[in-house]
Protein backbone atom coordinates (compact mmCIF):
# COMPACT_ATOMS: atom_id res chain seq x y z
CA MET A 1 -6.90 -13.25 12.41
CA ARG A 2 -7.03 -14.71 8.89
CA ILE A 3 -4.87 -12.79 6.43
CA GLY A 4 -4.71 -12.86 2.73
CA ILE A 5 -2.06 -11.34 0.68
CA VAL A 6 -2.73 -9.52 -2.70
CA ALA A 7 0.82 -9.16 -4.37
CA VAL A 8 1.06 -7.02 -7.50
CA ILE A 9 3.55 -8.66 -9.96
CA TYR A 10 6.64 -6.66 -11.11
CA GLU A 11 8.55 -7.72 -14.16
CA GLU A 12 11.99 -6.32 -13.07
CA PRO A 13 14.48 -8.97 -11.75
CA GLU A 14 14.53 -7.27 -8.27
CA TYR A 15 10.96 -8.55 -7.76
CA GLN A 16 12.41 -12.00 -7.24
CA GLU A 17 13.37 -10.81 -3.80
CA THR A 18 9.77 -10.03 -2.88
CA LEU A 19 8.73 -13.52 -4.18
CA LYS A 20 11.28 -15.21 -1.76
CA CYS A 21 9.93 -13.30 1.13
CA LEU A 22 6.25 -14.25 0.20
CA MET A 23 7.10 -17.77 0.13
CA GLN A 24 8.12 -17.65 3.73
CA LEU A 25 4.53 -17.09 4.68
CA ASP A 26 1.83 -19.90 5.26
CA TYR A 27 -0.97 -17.57 4.10
CA PRO A 28 -2.97 -17.52 0.84
CA VAL A 29 -1.49 -15.28 -1.79
CA GLU A 30 -3.30 -13.74 -4.80
CA TYR A 31 -0.76 -12.55 -7.40
CA VAL A 32 -2.11 -9.78 -9.77
CA ASP A 33 -0.53 -9.32 -13.07
CA ARG A 34 -0.77 -5.79 -14.47
CA GLN A 35 1.59 -6.54 -17.25
CA GLY A 36 4.34 -4.52 -15.37
CA VAL A 37 2.79 -1.11 -16.18
CA GLY A 38 -0.85 -1.19 -15.31
CA SER A 39 -2.87 0.69 -12.84
CA LEU A 40 -1.76 -0.07 -9.04
CA ALA A 41 -5.28 1.01 -7.80
CA GLN A 42 -7.01 -1.40 -10.17
CA ALA A 43 -4.69 -4.24 -9.46
CA TYR A 44 -5.25 -4.05 -5.68
CA ASN A 45 -9.04 -3.68 -6.21
CA GLN A 46 -8.90 -6.69 -8.57
CA GLY A 47 -6.83 -8.84 -6.28
CA PHE A 48 -9.02 -8.13 -3.41
CA ASP A 49 -12.16 -9.24 -5.15
CA ARG A 50 -10.47 -12.44 -6.24
CA ILE A 51 -8.95 -13.70 -2.98
CA THR A 52 -11.93 -12.82 -0.99
CA GLN A 53 -14.08 -14.93 -3.25
CA LYS A 54 -11.66 -17.82 -2.52
CA TRP A 55 -10.97 -17.43 1.23
CA ASP A 56 -12.97 -16.31 4.25
CA LEU A 57 -10.52 -13.63 5.43
CA ASP A 58 -10.38 -10.89 8.12
CA GLY A 59 -7.64 -8.78 6.75
CA ILE A 60 -5.71 -8.28 3.61
CA TRP A 61 -1.98 -7.37 3.02
CA LEU A 62 -1.52 -5.32 -0.20
CA VAL A 63 1.90 -5.84 -1.26
CA SER A 64 4.03 -4.10 -3.94
CA ASN A 65 7.85 -4.54 -4.50
CA ILE A 66 9.07 -4.82 -0.89
CA THR A 67 11.32 -7.30 1.21
CA PHE A 68 10.52 -8.13 4.66
CA GLU A 69 10.77 -10.62 7.60
CA VAL A 70 8.05 -12.99 8.79
CA SER A 71 8.17 -11.16 11.99
CA ASP A 72 7.32 -7.97 10.26
CA PHE A 73 4.27 -9.72 8.84
CA GLU A 74 3.17 -10.82 12.18
CA LYS A 75 3.48 -7.38 14.05
CA LEU A 76 1.24 -5.99 11.31
CA ARG A 77 -1.20 -8.70 11.90
CA GLN A 78 -1.08 -8.28 15.68
CA CYS A 79 -2.10 -4.54 15.00
CA LEU A 80 -5.31 -5.70 13.33
CA ILE A 81 -6.07 -8.10 16.14
CA ASP A 82 -5.65 -5.35 18.65
CA GLY A 83 -8.17 -3.18 16.80
CA TRP A 84 -6.42 -1.05 14.14
CA ASP A 85 -8.31 -0.80 10.77
CA ALA A 86 -5.32 -0.43 8.63
CA VAL A 87 -1.58 -0.30 9.34
CA HIS A 88 1.61 0.30 7.32
CA PRO A 89 5.09 -0.92 8.21
CA ALA A 90 7.89 1.76 8.47
CA PHE A 91 10.13 2.37 5.56
CA GLU A 92 12.27 5.05 4.11
CA SER A 93 9.31 6.68 2.43
CA ASP A 94 8.88 10.17 0.79
CA HIS A 95 6.64 10.94 3.74
CA GLN A 96 8.26 11.46 7.02
CA HIS A 97 5.53 10.10 9.08
CA ILE A 98 6.08 6.67 7.71
CA ARG A 99 9.97 6.56 8.24
CA PRO A 100 11.36 4.66 10.98
CA ASN A 101 13.15 7.71 12.46
CA ASP A 102 11.85 11.01 13.38
CA HIS A 103 13.11 14.46 12.22
CA GLY A 104 15.80 14.22 14.84
CA GLY A 105 17.04 10.86 13.87
CA LYS A 106 15.45 9.21 16.82
CA ARG A 107 14.17 5.62 16.16
CA ARG A 108 10.21 5.45 16.53
CA THR A 109 8.41 2.62 18.21
CA GLY A 110 5.03 1.24 18.76
CA THR A 111 2.07 1.96 16.38
CA ARG A 112 0.84 5.63 16.02
CA GLU A 113 -2.25 7.09 14.45
CA VAL A 114 -1.71 8.94 11.12
CA LYS A 115 -3.60 11.12 8.70
CA PHE A 116 -2.87 8.89 5.71
CA LEU A 117 -1.14 5.67 4.70
CA GLU A 118 0.90 4.82 1.56
CA PHE A 119 -0.16 1.77 -0.41
CA THR A 120 3.19 0.37 -0.67
CA ALA A 121 2.35 -2.35 1.74
CA PRO A 122 -0.69 -1.59 3.94
CA MET A 123 -2.49 -4.43 5.94
CA VAL A 124 -6.20 -3.66 5.93
CA ASN A 125 -9.28 -4.96 7.68
CA ARG A 126 -11.25 -6.76 5.15
CA TYR A 127 -14.58 -5.09 5.84
CA VAL A 128 -13.03 -1.73 5.80
CA PHE A 129 -11.57 -2.25 2.30
CA GLU A 130 -14.94 -3.65 1.22
CA ALA A 131 -16.65 -0.55 2.17
CA VAL A 132 -14.06 2.02 0.85
CA ARG A 133 -12.29 0.95 -2.42
CA LEU A 134 -9.38 2.59 -4.25
CA ASN A 135 -10.41 5.22 -6.84
CA GLU A 136 -9.25 3.78 -10.14
CA LYS A 137 -9.39 7.17 -11.71
CA MET A 138 -6.01 7.69 -9.85
CA PRO A 139 -3.97 4.76 -11.28
CA TYR A 140 -0.55 5.28 -9.77
CA TRP A 141 -0.81 7.84 -6.92
CA GLY A 142 -3.41 9.84 -5.05
CA HIS A 143 -5.62 6.85 -4.51
CA ASP A 144 -3.67 6.32 -1.10
CA LEU A 145 -4.65 9.89 -0.02
CA ASP A 146 -8.14 9.65 -1.17
CA TRP A 147 -8.65 6.24 0.38
CA SER A 148 -7.17 7.29 3.78
CA TYR A 149 -9.56 10.26 3.88
CA ARG A 150 -12.55 8.46 3.05
CA ALA A 151 -11.71 5.63 5.32
CA LYS A 152 -11.09 8.01 8.37
CA GLN A 153 -14.48 9.69 7.52
CA GLU A 154 -16.02 6.35 8.04
CA GLY A 155 -14.42 5.94 11.43
CA ALA A 156 -11.43 3.82 10.49
CA LYS A 157 -8.26 3.98 12.70
CA LEU A 158 -5.09 4.09 10.49
CA GLY A 159 -1.61 3.78 11.95
CA VAL A 160 1.97 3.22 11.07
CA CYS A 161 3.48 0.37 13.02
CA TYR A 162 7.23 1.32 13.62
CA ASP A 163 8.02 -2.05 15.12
CA ALA A 164 7.59 -3.51 11.67
CA SER A 165 9.68 -2.45 8.75
CA VAL A 166 10.00 -3.34 5.20
CA GLY A 167 12.57 -2.67 2.30
CA HIS A 168 11.22 -0.91 -0.72
CA VAL A 169 13.09 -1.04 -3.90
CA TYR A 170 12.47 2.23 -5.48
CA ILE A 171 12.40 0.83 -8.99
CA ARG A 172 11.30 4.30 -10.37
CA ASN A 173 14.65 5.69 -9.57
CA ASN A 174 16.61 3.14 -11.55
CA LEU A 175 15.55 3.29 -15.18
CA VAL A 176 17.61 0.50 -16.24
CA HIS A 177 14.70 -1.71 -17.28
CA PRO A 178 12.49 -0.85 -20.32
CA ILE A 179 9.54 -2.10 -18.30
CA THR A 180 10.34 0.53 -15.50
CA ARG A 181 10.70 3.41 -18.09
CA GLN A 182 7.46 2.51 -19.69
CA ARG A 183 5.56 2.39 -16.24
CA MET A 184 7.09 5.77 -15.42
CA SER A 185 5.90 7.12 -18.75
CA ASN A 186 2.44 5.86 -18.09
CA ARG A 187 2.56 7.54 -14.64
CA LYS A 188 3.41 10.85 -16.17
CA ARG A 189 0.77 10.67 -18.74
CA THR A 190 -1.75 10.23 -15.88
CA ASP A 191 -0.60 12.90 -13.56
CA ASN A 192 -2.90 15.52 -14.82
CA GLN A 193 -5.93 13.02 -14.75
CA THR A 194 -5.01 12.27 -11.03
CA THR A 195 -4.71 15.91 -10.16
CA ARG A 196 -8.12 16.72 -11.92
CA GLU A 197 -9.82 14.01 -9.94
CA LEU A 198 -8.51 15.06 -6.61
CA ARG A 199 -9.55 18.66 -7.32
CA ARG A 200 -13.00 17.43 -8.50
CA ILE A 201 -13.55 15.59 -5.27
CA TYR A 202 -11.77 17.86 -2.67
CA GLY A 203 -11.41 21.23 -4.49
CA ALA A 204 -8.38 23.43 -5.14
CA ASN A 205 -6.99 22.95 -1.55
CA TRP A 206 -6.89 19.28 -1.86
CA ARG A 207 -3.24 19.07 -0.70
CA LYS A 208 -3.79 20.95 2.55
CA LEU A 209 -6.96 18.73 3.28
CA LEU A 210 -5.37 15.30 2.39
CA TYR A 211 -1.63 15.52 3.45
């Protein structure tokens, strides 16, 4: 299973930890520079196009500002080998189904099918992502919900691998760096645009349908 990595560059100092992790892997990496504040959806799409033009790959790991062990990468890779079309590692997400523990605090194990994936660090079958791209009209959020729904409509099997976990530095909650503040400002300015796009595609009850 040949995996390529699309890594979105962050300009905050914490991103050095992500780089250290990536350097442990002996797999091709395509770094995508969005000048620290640009569209995440566009960066992932562009990075996918560039890396698949250079390498014959079976899967893509789309990476934001995370930390991980090589064993976590290999567990995700094994999921694709086992037939999953897209998997996400567990982490302390805003979404309960991606967290390593259930509501009662019990540790989850294995890989379980889910309604949607985040795009913090999903590993995706190359041919699934070729067929279903991220909607760039939703630059910072919403594109993950939309992508997951459309991928599942095409028959894709999406899961969270609870045996793999990553750290995710929530830079958005630490507005020390000017680049972080600028990115958050950009995100707020596009919130209405994203909501309008979700309503245009899925109607007024888009939350109920996609979440």
